[in-house]
């Protein structure tokens, strides 16, 4: 996938032109496992991931604060 991740205030906390992972294997936050399932190659989605499906009460220091809702624009580049 290629993606951009932002916080509620629009601050970008992460981005990648290529990120490989195994869907459903716990490689990524639960919100991605749920939100990316069913996508087709070339498809683009906007995911709004609530804290409980993201990094929860702890956040992910230093860029993601506790209880943060995360916003991703994701493009599925390839399925292997």
C-alpha atoms as a PDB file:
ATOM      1  CA  UNK A   1       0.000   0.000   0.000  1.00  0.00           C
ATOM      2  CA  UNK A   2       0.846   3.671  -0.214  1.00  0.00           C
ATOM      3  CA  UNK A   3      -0.592   5.867   2.526  1.00  0.00           C
ATOM      4  CA  UNK A   4      -0.648   9.161   4.385  1.00  0.00           C
ATOM      5  CA  UNK A   5      -1.665   9.283   8.056  1.00  0.00           C
ATOM      6  CA  UNK A   6      -2.982  12.415   9.776  1.00  0.00           C
ATOM      7  CA  UNK A   7      -4.372  13.417  13.152  1.00  0.00           C
ATOM      8  CA  UNK A   8      -7.725  15.202  13.680  1.00  0.00           C
ATOM      9  CA  UNK A   9      -6.016  18.595  13.412  1.00  0.00           C
ATOM     10  CA  UNK A  10      -4.524  17.688  10.014  1.00  0.00           C
ATOM     11  CA  UNK A  11      -0.984  17.106  11.284  1.00  0.00           C
ATOM     12  CA  UNK A  12       0.688  14.412   9.186  1.00  0.00           C
ATOM     13  CA  UNK A  13       2.354  11.796  11.392  1.00  0.00           C
ATOM     14  CA  UNK A  14       3.385   9.234   8.790  1.00  0.00           C
ATOM     15  CA  UNK A  15       3.464   8.424   5.079  1.00  0.00           C
ATOM     16  CA  UNK A  16       4.927   5.803   2.771  1.00  0.00           C
ATOM     17  CA  UNK A  17       4.978   5.222  -0.971  1.00  0.00           C
ATOM     18  CA  UNK A  18       5.286   1.489  -0.320  1.00  0.00           C
ATOM     19  CA  UNK A  19       4.465  -0.429   2.833  1.00  0.00           C
ATOM     20  CA  UNK A  20       4.137  -4.214   2.807  1.00  0.00           C
ATOM     21  CA  UNK A  21       2.244  -6.198   5.435  1.00  0.00           C
ATOM     22  CA  UNK A  22       0.110  -9.311   5.857  1.00  0.00           C
ATOM     23  CA  UNK A  23      -3.576  -8.514   6.326  1.00  0.00           C
ATOM     24  CA  UNK A  24      -5.027 -10.048   9.491  1.00  0.00           C
ATOM     25  CA  UNK A  25      -1.655 -11.101  10.916  1.00  0.00           C
ATOM     26  CA  UNK A  26      -1.388  -8.317  13.495  1.00  0.00           C
ATOM     27  CA  UNK A  27       1.337  -6.530  11.517  1.00  0.00           C
ATOM     28  CA  UNK A  28      -0.644  -3.264  11.559  1.00  0.00           C
ATOM     29  CA  UNK A  29      -3.237  -1.555  13.748  1.00  0.00           C
ATOM     30  CA  UNK A  30      -6.641  -3.254  13.880  1.00  0.00           C
ATOM     31  CA  UNK A  31      -8.244  -0.337  12.030  1.00  0.00           C
ATOM     32  CA  UNK A  32      -6.142  -1.173   8.987  1.00  0.00           C
ATOM     33  CA  UNK A  33      -6.973  -4.887   9.112  1.00  0.00           C
ATOM     34  CA  UNK A  34     -10.667  -3.970   9.142  1.00  0.00           C
ATOM     35  CA  UNK A  35     -10.529  -0.999   6.754  1.00  0.00           C
ATOM     36  CA  UNK A  36      -8.324  -2.473   4.038  1.00  0.00           C
ATOM     37  CA  UNK A  37     -10.062  -5.844   3.818  1.00  0.00           C
ATOM     38  CA  UNK A  38     -11.939  -6.145   0.530  1.00  0.00           C
ATOM     39  CA  UNK A  39      -9.934  -3.527  -1.344  1.00  0.00           C
ATOM     40  CA  UNK A  40      -8.932  -4.132  -4.945  1.00  0.00           C
ATOM     41  CA  UNK A  41      -5.588  -3.318  -6.525  1.00  0.00           C
ATOM     42  CA  UNK A  42      -5.612   0.351  -7.527  1.00  0.00           C
ATOM     43  CA  UNK A  43      -8.387   1.124  -5.043  1.00  0.00           C
ATOM     44  CA  UNK A  44      -8.172   4.141  -2.747  1.00  0.00           C
ATOM     45  CA  UNK A  45      -9.871   4.538   0.638  1.00  0.00           C
ATOM     46  CA  UNK A  46     -10.078   7.107   3.371  1.00  0.00           C
ATOM     47  CA  UNK A  47     -10.003   5.388   6.745  1.00  0.00           C
ATOM     48  CA  UNK A  48     -11.050   7.044   9.984  1.00  0.00           C
ATOM     49  CA  UNK A  49      -9.639   4.865  12.740  1.00  0.00           C
ATOM     50  CA  UNK A  50     -10.969   5.388  16.275  1.00  0.00           C
ATOM     51  CA  UNK A  51      -8.482   5.175  19.119  1.00  0.00           C
ATOM     52  CA  UNK A  52      -9.626   1.699  20.190  1.00  0.00           C
ATOM     53  CA  UNK A  53      -8.675   0.338  16.732  1.00  0.00           C
ATOM     54  CA  UNK A  54      -5.483   2.404  16.618  1.00  0.00           C
ATOM     55  CA  UNK A  55      -3.010   3.056  19.431  1.00  0.00           C
ATOM     56  CA  UNK A  56      -5.520   3.476  22.259  1.00  0.00           C
ATOM     57  CA  UNK A  57      -4.877   5.157  25.592  1.00  0.00           C
ATOM     58  CA  UNK A  58      -1.082   4.942  25.237  1.00  0.00           C
ATOM     59  CA  UNK A  59      -0.735   6.527  21.807  1.00  0.00           C
ATOM     60  CA  UNK A  60       2.548   6.067  19.962  1.00  0.00           C
ATOM     61  CA  UNK A  61       5.140   8.556  21.120  1.00  0.00           C
ATOM     62  CA  UNK A  62       6.241  11.002  19.915  1.00  0.00           C
ATOM     63  CA  UNK A  63       3.815  11.556  17.018  1.00  0.00           C
ATOM     64  CA  UNK A  64       0.489  10.025  18.056  1.00  0.00           C
ATOM     65  CA  UNK A  65      -1.051  11.267  21.308  1.00  0.00           C
ATOM     66  CA  UNK A  66      -3.179   9.105  23.630  1.00  0.00           C
ATOM     67  CA  UNK A  67      -6.772   8.459  22.504  1.00  0.00           C
ATOM     68  CA  UNK A  68      -6.124   9.854  19.006  1.00  0.00           C
ATOM     69  CA  UNK A  69      -8.467   9.286  16.080  1.00  0.00           C
ATOM     70  CA  UNK A  70      -6.339   8.588  13.010  1.00  0.00           C
ATOM     71  CA  UNK A  71      -7.121   9.478   9.395  1.00  0.00           C
ATOM     72  CA  UNK A  72      -5.492   7.595   6.537  1.00  0.00           C
ATOM     73  CA  UNK A  73      -5.649   7.866   2.781  1.00  0.00           C
ATOM     74  CA  UNK A  74      -4.647   4.418   1.522  1.00  0.00           C
ATOM     75  CA  UNK A  75      -4.027   3.164  -2.024  1.00  0.00           C
ATOM     76  CA  UNK A  76      -3.699  -0.578  -2.569  1.00  0.00           C
ATOM     77  CA  UNK A  77      -0.757  -1.048  -4.934  1.00  0.00           C
ATOM     78  CA  UNK A  78      -0.377  -4.828  -5.017  1.00  0.00           C
ATOM     79  CA  UNK A  79      -1.622  -8.090  -3.494  1.00  0.00           C
ATOM     80  CA  UNK A  80       0.847 -10.943  -3.079  1.00  0.00           C
END
